Amino acid sequence: MDTRVFAAAGSVPQMVEQGVARTRRASVKALNMRAAGRCERARKMGRIAELYEREARWWGVLTRWTSHQRAVPWVYTTAAMAAEHEAERRAENYREMEAGYWRRALAVAADSGVAA
C-alpha cells in the first residue's frame, strides 16, 4: 500500500485526525464540567452527546473517503465505520441521559408547584 495517500498535507485522513482530536479535547472539558442540579446535568449530557455526534460525523467523512480510494484496503473502511457507529452509540446514550435528567427536573418542578 502506498502510505503517501495518508501523509499528504491537507489530506482527508489528516483533516479527520485533527477534527477528532479537537472534538475529543472538547469532550474531556465537557466531561470535567461541574454540574450541580438536574438541569445542569441535562445540559452537560447534551453537550457531551453533541460532541459524540460531531465525532461520528468526522468518522463518516473518513468512511466515505476510504471507500472511494482504490489504494486503501477495505479493513480501513471497516474500522472507520466501526468508529462512526461507536461514536453514534455513545451520543445516543448521552441523549437518553439528557432526556432522563430533563424528565426528572420537570417532575420535581411539577411536584413542587413551580411552573416549568
N, C-alpha and C. Protein backbone atom coordinates (compact mmCIF):
# COMPACT_ATOMS: atom_id res chain seq x y z
N MET A 1 0.84 -1.18 0.00
CA MET A 1 0.00 0.00 0.00
C MET A 1 0.88 1.24 0.00
N ASP A 2 0.45 2.24 -0.70
CA ASP A 2 1.19 3.49 -0.80
C ASP A 2 0.81 4.38 0.38
N THR A 3 1.72 4.54 1.34
CA THR A 3 1.41 5.32 2.54
C THR A 3 1.36 6.81 2.27
N ARG A 4 1.80 7.26 1.09
CA ARG A 4 1.72 8.67 0.77
C ARG A 4 0.27 9.14 0.69
N VAL A 5 -0.67 8.23 0.47
CA VAL A 5 -2.09 8.58 0.42
C VAL A 5 -2.51 9.19 1.75
N PHE A 6 -1.95 8.68 2.86
CA PHE A 6 -2.32 9.16 4.19
C PHE A 6 -1.49 10.35 4.65
N ALA A 7 -0.34 10.58 4.06
CA ALA A 7 0.59 11.58 4.57
C ALA A 7 0.46 12.94 3.91
N ALA A 8 -0.27 13.04 2.83
CA ALA A 8 -0.34 14.30 2.10
C ALA A 8 -0.91 15.42 2.97
N ALA A 9 -0.27 16.58 2.91
CA ALA A 9 -0.75 17.73 3.66
C ALA A 9 -2.13 18.13 3.15
N GLY A 10 -3.05 18.37 4.07
CA GLY A 10 -4.40 18.74 3.68
C GLY A 10 -5.24 17.55 3.24
N SER A 11 -4.74 16.35 3.47
CA SER A 11 -5.47 15.16 3.05
C SER A 11 -6.68 14.93 3.97
N VAL A 12 -7.64 14.18 3.48
CA VAL A 12 -8.83 13.88 4.26
C VAL A 12 -8.47 13.17 5.57
N PRO A 13 -7.63 12.13 5.56
CA PRO A 13 -7.28 11.49 6.84
C PRO A 13 -6.65 12.47 7.83
N GLN A 14 -5.84 13.38 7.35
CA GLN A 14 -5.21 14.35 8.24
C GLN A 14 -6.28 15.30 8.81
N MET A 15 -7.21 15.75 7.99
CA MET A 15 -8.30 16.62 8.47
C MET A 15 -9.15 15.90 9.50
N VAL A 16 -9.46 14.62 9.25
CA VAL A 16 -10.26 13.85 10.18
C VAL A 16 -9.51 13.67 11.50
N GLU A 17 -8.23 13.36 11.41
CA GLU A 17 -7.43 13.19 12.63
C GLU A 17 -7.45 14.46 13.47
N GLN A 18 -7.29 15.62 12.83
CA GLN A 18 -7.31 16.88 13.56
C GLN A 18 -8.70 17.18 14.12
N GLY A 19 -9.73 16.89 13.34
CA GLY A 19 -11.11 17.13 13.79
C GLY A 19 -11.48 16.25 14.97
N VAL A 20 -11.11 14.99 14.91
CA VAL A 20 -11.40 14.07 16.03
C VAL A 20 -10.61 14.50 17.27
N ALA A 21 -9.37 14.91 17.08
CA ALA A 21 -8.56 15.36 18.23
C ALA A 21 -9.19 16.58 18.89
N ARG A 22 -9.63 17.57 18.10
CA ARG A 22 -10.29 18.75 18.67
C ARG A 22 -11.56 18.36 19.41
N THR A 23 -12.32 17.46 18.81
CA THR A 23 -13.58 17.03 19.41
C THR A 23 -13.33 16.30 20.72
N ARG A 24 -12.32 15.46 20.75
CA ARG A 24 -12.01 14.72 21.99
C ARG A 24 -11.51 15.65 23.09
N ARG A 25 -10.74 16.67 22.72
CA ARG A 25 -10.30 17.65 23.74
C ARG A 25 -11.52 18.36 24.32
N ALA A 26 -12.46 18.74 23.46
CA ALA A 26 -13.68 19.39 23.94
C ALA A 26 -14.51 18.44 24.80
N SER A 27 -14.50 17.15 24.45
CA SER A 27 -15.23 16.16 25.24
C SER A 27 -14.66 16.03 26.64
N VAL A 28 -13.34 16.03 26.74
CA VAL A 28 -12.70 15.95 28.05
C VAL A 28 -13.12 17.15 28.91
N LYS A 29 -13.12 18.34 28.30
CA LYS A 29 -13.55 19.53 29.03
C LYS A 29 -15.00 19.40 29.48
N ALA A 30 -15.85 18.91 28.59
CA ALA A 30 -17.28 18.76 28.93
C ALA A 30 -17.48 17.72 30.02
N LEU A 31 -16.75 16.63 29.95
CA LEU A 31 -16.87 15.59 30.98
C LEU A 31 -16.42 16.12 32.35
N ASN A 32 -15.48 17.05 32.37
CA ASN A 32 -14.97 17.59 33.62
C ASN A 32 -15.76 18.79 34.13
N MET A 33 -16.78 19.21 33.38
CA MET A 33 -17.62 20.33 33.83
C MET A 33 -18.35 19.95 35.10
N ARG A 34 -18.46 20.90 35.99
CA ARG A 34 -19.22 20.68 37.22
C ARG A 34 -20.69 20.92 36.90
N ALA A 35 -21.52 20.02 37.36
CA ALA A 35 -22.97 20.14 37.14
C ALA A 35 -23.68 19.85 38.45
N ALA A 36 -24.27 20.88 39.06
CA ALA A 36 -24.86 20.75 40.39
C ALA A 36 -26.27 20.15 40.36
N GLY A 37 -27.15 20.71 39.60
CA GLY A 37 -28.54 20.26 39.62
C GLY A 37 -28.90 19.43 38.40
N ARG A 38 -30.15 19.01 38.38
CA ARG A 38 -30.63 18.18 37.26
C ARG A 38 -30.56 18.92 35.93
N CYS A 39 -30.91 20.18 35.95
CA CYS A 39 -30.88 20.95 34.70
C CYS A 39 -29.46 21.10 34.19
N GLU A 40 -28.53 21.38 35.10
CA GLU A 40 -27.13 21.48 34.69
C GLU A 40 -26.60 20.15 34.17
N ARG A 41 -27.00 19.07 34.83
CA ARG A 41 -26.57 17.74 34.36
C ARG A 41 -27.16 17.44 32.98
N ALA A 42 -28.40 17.84 32.77
CA ALA A 42 -29.03 17.63 31.46
C ALA A 42 -28.27 18.39 30.38
N ARG A 43 -27.92 19.64 30.67
CA ARG A 43 -27.15 20.43 29.69
C ARG A 43 -25.79 19.80 29.43
N LYS A 44 -25.16 19.31 30.49
CA LYS A 44 -23.85 18.66 30.35
C LYS A 44 -23.97 17.42 29.46
N MET A 45 -24.96 16.58 29.72
CA MET A 45 -25.16 15.38 28.91
C MET A 45 -25.45 15.74 27.46
N GLY A 46 -26.21 16.82 27.25
CA GLY A 46 -26.49 17.28 25.90
C GLY A 46 -25.24 17.73 25.17
N ARG A 47 -24.37 18.43 25.89
CA ARG A 47 -23.11 18.88 25.28
C ARG A 47 -22.22 17.71 24.91
N ILE A 48 -22.15 16.72 25.79
CA ILE A 48 -21.33 15.54 25.51
C ILE A 48 -21.91 14.78 24.32
N ALA A 49 -23.23 14.64 24.27
CA ALA A 49 -23.87 13.96 23.14
C ALA A 49 -23.57 14.70 21.84
N GLU A 50 -23.64 16.02 21.89
CA GLU A 50 -23.35 16.84 20.70
C GLU A 50 -21.92 16.58 20.21
N LEU A 51 -20.99 16.45 21.13
CA LEU A 51 -19.59 16.21 20.74
C LEU A 51 -19.41 14.81 20.15
N TYR A 52 -20.10 13.81 20.71
CA TYR A 52 -20.01 12.47 20.12
C TYR A 52 -20.67 12.44 18.74
N GLU A 53 -21.74 13.21 18.55
CA GLU A 53 -22.36 13.30 17.22
C GLU A 53 -21.38 13.92 16.22
N ARG A 54 -20.65 14.94 16.67
CA ARG A 54 -19.64 15.56 15.81
C ARG A 54 -18.54 14.57 15.47
N GLU A 55 -18.10 13.81 16.48
CA GLU A 55 -17.06 12.81 16.23
C GLU A 55 -17.55 11.77 15.21
N ALA A 56 -18.80 11.34 15.35
CA ALA A 56 -19.36 10.37 14.40
C ALA A 56 -19.35 10.94 12.98
N ARG A 57 -19.65 12.21 12.85
CA ARG A 57 -19.62 12.82 11.52
C ARG A 57 -18.20 12.82 10.94
N TRP A 58 -17.20 13.08 11.78
CA TRP A 58 -15.82 13.02 11.30
C TRP A 58 -15.48 11.62 10.82
N TRP A 59 -15.86 10.61 11.60
CA TRP A 59 -15.59 9.23 11.18
C TRP A 59 -16.35 8.91 9.90
N GLY A 60 -17.53 9.48 9.73
CA GLY A 60 -18.29 9.28 8.49
C GLY A 60 -17.56 9.85 7.28
N VAL A 61 -16.92 10.99 7.47
CA VAL A 61 -16.11 11.59 6.39
C VAL A 61 -15.01 10.61 6.00
N LEU A 62 -14.32 10.06 6.99
CA LEU A 62 -13.24 9.12 6.70
C LEU A 62 -13.78 7.84 6.06
N THR A 63 -14.92 7.37 6.51
CA THR A 63 -15.54 6.17 5.93
C THR A 63 -15.80 6.38 4.44
N ARG A 64 -16.42 7.50 4.12
CA ARG A 64 -16.73 7.78 2.71
C ARG A 64 -15.46 7.93 1.88
N TRP A 65 -14.46 8.60 2.44
CA TRP A 65 -13.22 8.80 1.71
C TRP A 65 -12.52 7.46 1.45
N THR A 66 -12.38 6.63 2.49
CA THR A 66 -11.67 5.37 2.31
C THR A 66 -12.41 4.44 1.36
N SER A 67 -13.73 4.51 1.35
CA SER A 67 -14.48 3.61 0.47
C SER A 67 -14.29 3.95 -1.01
N HIS A 68 -13.79 5.15 -1.30
CA HIS A 68 -13.58 5.56 -2.69
C HIS A 68 -12.11 5.53 -3.11
N GLN A 69 -11.25 5.06 -2.23
CA GLN A 69 -9.82 5.01 -2.55
C GLN A 69 -9.41 3.59 -2.88
N ARG A 70 -8.92 3.40 -4.08
CA ARG A 70 -8.51 2.05 -4.51
C ARG A 70 -7.26 1.59 -3.77
N ALA A 71 -6.41 2.54 -3.37
CA ALA A 71 -5.15 2.18 -2.71
C ALA A 71 -5.31 1.86 -1.23
N VAL A 72 -6.52 2.08 -0.69
CA VAL A 72 -6.75 1.85 0.73
C VAL A 72 -7.46 0.52 0.92
N PRO A 73 -6.88 -0.40 1.70
CA PRO A 73 -7.54 -1.69 1.94
C PRO A 73 -8.89 -1.52 2.64
N TRP A 74 -9.82 -2.42 2.37
CA TRP A 74 -11.18 -2.34 2.91
C TRP A 74 -11.19 -2.38 4.43
N VAL A 75 -10.16 -2.93 5.05
CA VAL A 75 -10.13 -3.02 6.51
C VAL A 75 -10.15 -1.62 7.14
N TYR A 76 -9.59 -0.61 6.46
CA TYR A 76 -9.61 0.74 6.98
C TYR A 76 -11.02 1.33 6.91
N THR A 77 -11.72 1.02 5.85
CA THR A 77 -13.11 1.46 5.74
C THR A 77 -13.95 0.83 6.84
N THR A 78 -13.75 -0.45 7.07
CA THR A 78 -14.48 -1.16 8.13
C THR A 78 -14.18 -0.56 9.50
N ALA A 79 -12.91 -0.25 9.75
CA ALA A 79 -12.53 0.34 11.04
C ALA A 79 -13.15 1.72 11.21
N ALA A 80 -13.16 2.52 10.16
CA ALA A 80 -13.77 3.85 10.24
C ALA A 80 -15.27 3.72 10.48
N MET A 81 -15.91 2.75 9.83
CA MET A 81 -17.35 2.52 10.06
C MET A 81 -17.62 2.12 11.50
N ALA A 82 -16.76 1.28 12.06
CA ALA A 82 -16.92 0.85 13.46
C ALA A 82 -16.76 2.03 14.41
N ALA A 83 -15.79 2.90 14.14
CA ALA A 83 -15.59 4.08 14.98
C ALA A 83 -16.79 5.02 14.88
N GLU A 84 -17.32 5.18 13.68
CA GLU A 84 -18.51 6.02 13.48
C GLU A 84 -19.69 5.47 14.27
N HIS A 85 -19.90 4.17 14.16
CA HIS A 85 -21.01 3.53 14.87
C HIS A 85 -20.85 3.67 16.39
N GLU A 86 -19.65 3.49 16.89
CA GLU A 86 -19.40 3.60 18.32
C GLU A 86 -19.67 5.01 18.82
N ALA A 87 -19.24 6.02 18.08
CA ALA A 87 -19.50 7.40 18.47
C ALA A 87 -21.01 7.69 18.44
N GLU A 88 -21.71 7.17 17.44
CA GLU A 88 -23.18 7.35 17.38
C GLU A 88 -23.86 6.70 18.57
N ARG A 89 -23.39 5.50 18.94
CA ARG A 89 -23.97 4.79 20.09
C ARG A 89 -23.76 5.58 21.38
N ARG A 90 -22.57 6.13 21.55
CA ARG A 90 -22.31 6.92 22.76
C ARG A 90 -23.16 8.18 22.77
N ALA A 91 -23.32 8.81 21.61
CA ALA A 91 -24.16 10.00 21.53
C ALA A 91 -25.59 9.67 21.93
N GLU A 92 -26.10 8.55 21.45
CA GLU A 92 -27.46 8.13 21.82
C GLU A 92 -27.59 7.91 23.31
N ASN A 93 -26.58 7.28 23.92
CA ASN A 93 -26.62 7.05 25.37
C ASN A 93 -26.66 8.36 26.13
N TYR A 94 -25.85 9.33 25.71
CA TYR A 94 -25.86 10.62 26.40
C TYR A 94 -27.14 11.39 26.14
N ARG A 95 -27.74 11.23 24.96
CA ARG A 95 -29.04 11.86 24.69
C ARG A 95 -30.12 11.26 25.61
N GLU A 96 -30.05 9.95 25.84
CA GLU A 96 -31.00 9.31 26.75
C GLU A 96 -30.81 9.81 28.18
N MET A 97 -29.55 9.97 28.61
CA MET A 97 -29.29 10.50 29.94
C MET A 97 -29.79 11.94 30.05
N GLU A 98 -29.56 12.72 29.01
CA GLU A 98 -30.04 14.10 29.00
C GLU A 98 -31.55 14.14 29.15
N ALA A 99 -32.25 13.33 28.38
CA ALA A 99 -33.71 13.30 28.46
C ALA A 99 -34.18 12.87 29.84
N GLY A 100 -33.48 11.91 30.44
CA GLY A 100 -33.83 11.47 31.79
C GLY A 100 -33.69 12.59 32.81
N TYR A 101 -32.61 13.34 32.74
CA TYR A 101 -32.43 14.47 33.67
C TYR A 101 -33.50 15.52 33.46
N TRP A 102 -33.85 15.81 32.20
CA TRP A 102 -34.91 16.79 31.96
C TRP A 102 -36.25 16.30 32.50
N ARG A 103 -36.55 15.00 32.30
CA ARG A 103 -37.81 14.45 32.83
C ARG A 103 -37.86 14.58 34.34
N ARG A 104 -36.77 14.23 35.01
CA ARG A 104 -36.74 14.31 36.47
C ARG A 104 -36.85 15.77 36.94
N ALA A 105 -36.20 16.68 36.24
CA ALA A 105 -36.28 18.09 36.62
C ALA A 105 -37.71 18.61 36.46
N LEU A 106 -38.38 18.20 35.39
CA LEU A 106 -39.77 18.64 35.19
C LEU A 106 -40.70 18.00 36.21
N ALA A 107 -40.44 16.74 36.56
CA ALA A 107 -41.28 16.07 37.55
C ALA A 107 -41.14 16.75 38.91
N VAL A 108 -39.92 17.11 39.27
CA VAL A 108 -39.71 17.80 40.55
C VAL A 108 -40.39 19.17 40.52
N ALA A 109 -40.28 19.86 39.41
CA ALA A 109 -40.93 21.16 39.28
C ALA A 109 -42.44 21.03 39.38
N ALA A 110 -43.01 20.00 38.75
CA ALA A 110 -44.46 19.79 38.80
C ALA A 110 -44.91 19.44 40.20
N ASP A 111 -44.14 18.61 40.90
CA ASP A 111 -44.49 18.20 42.26
C ASP A 111 -44.41 19.36 43.25
N SER A 112 -43.51 20.29 42.99
CA SER A 112 -43.32 21.41 43.92
C SER A 112 -44.22 22.59 43.57
N GLY A 113 -44.95 22.49 42.46
CA GLY A 113 -45.85 23.56 42.07
C GLY A 113 -45.15 24.71 41.33
N VAL A 114 -43.91 24.49 40.94
CA VAL A 114 -43.16 25.51 40.21
C VAL A 114 -43.53 25.39 38.73
N ALA A 115 -43.78 26.51 38.10
CA ALA A 115 -44.09 26.48 36.67
C ALA A 115 -42.83 26.14 35.88
N ALA A 116 -42.95 25.25 34.92
CA ALA A 116 -41.80 24.84 34.13
C ALA A 116 -41.48 25.82 33.06
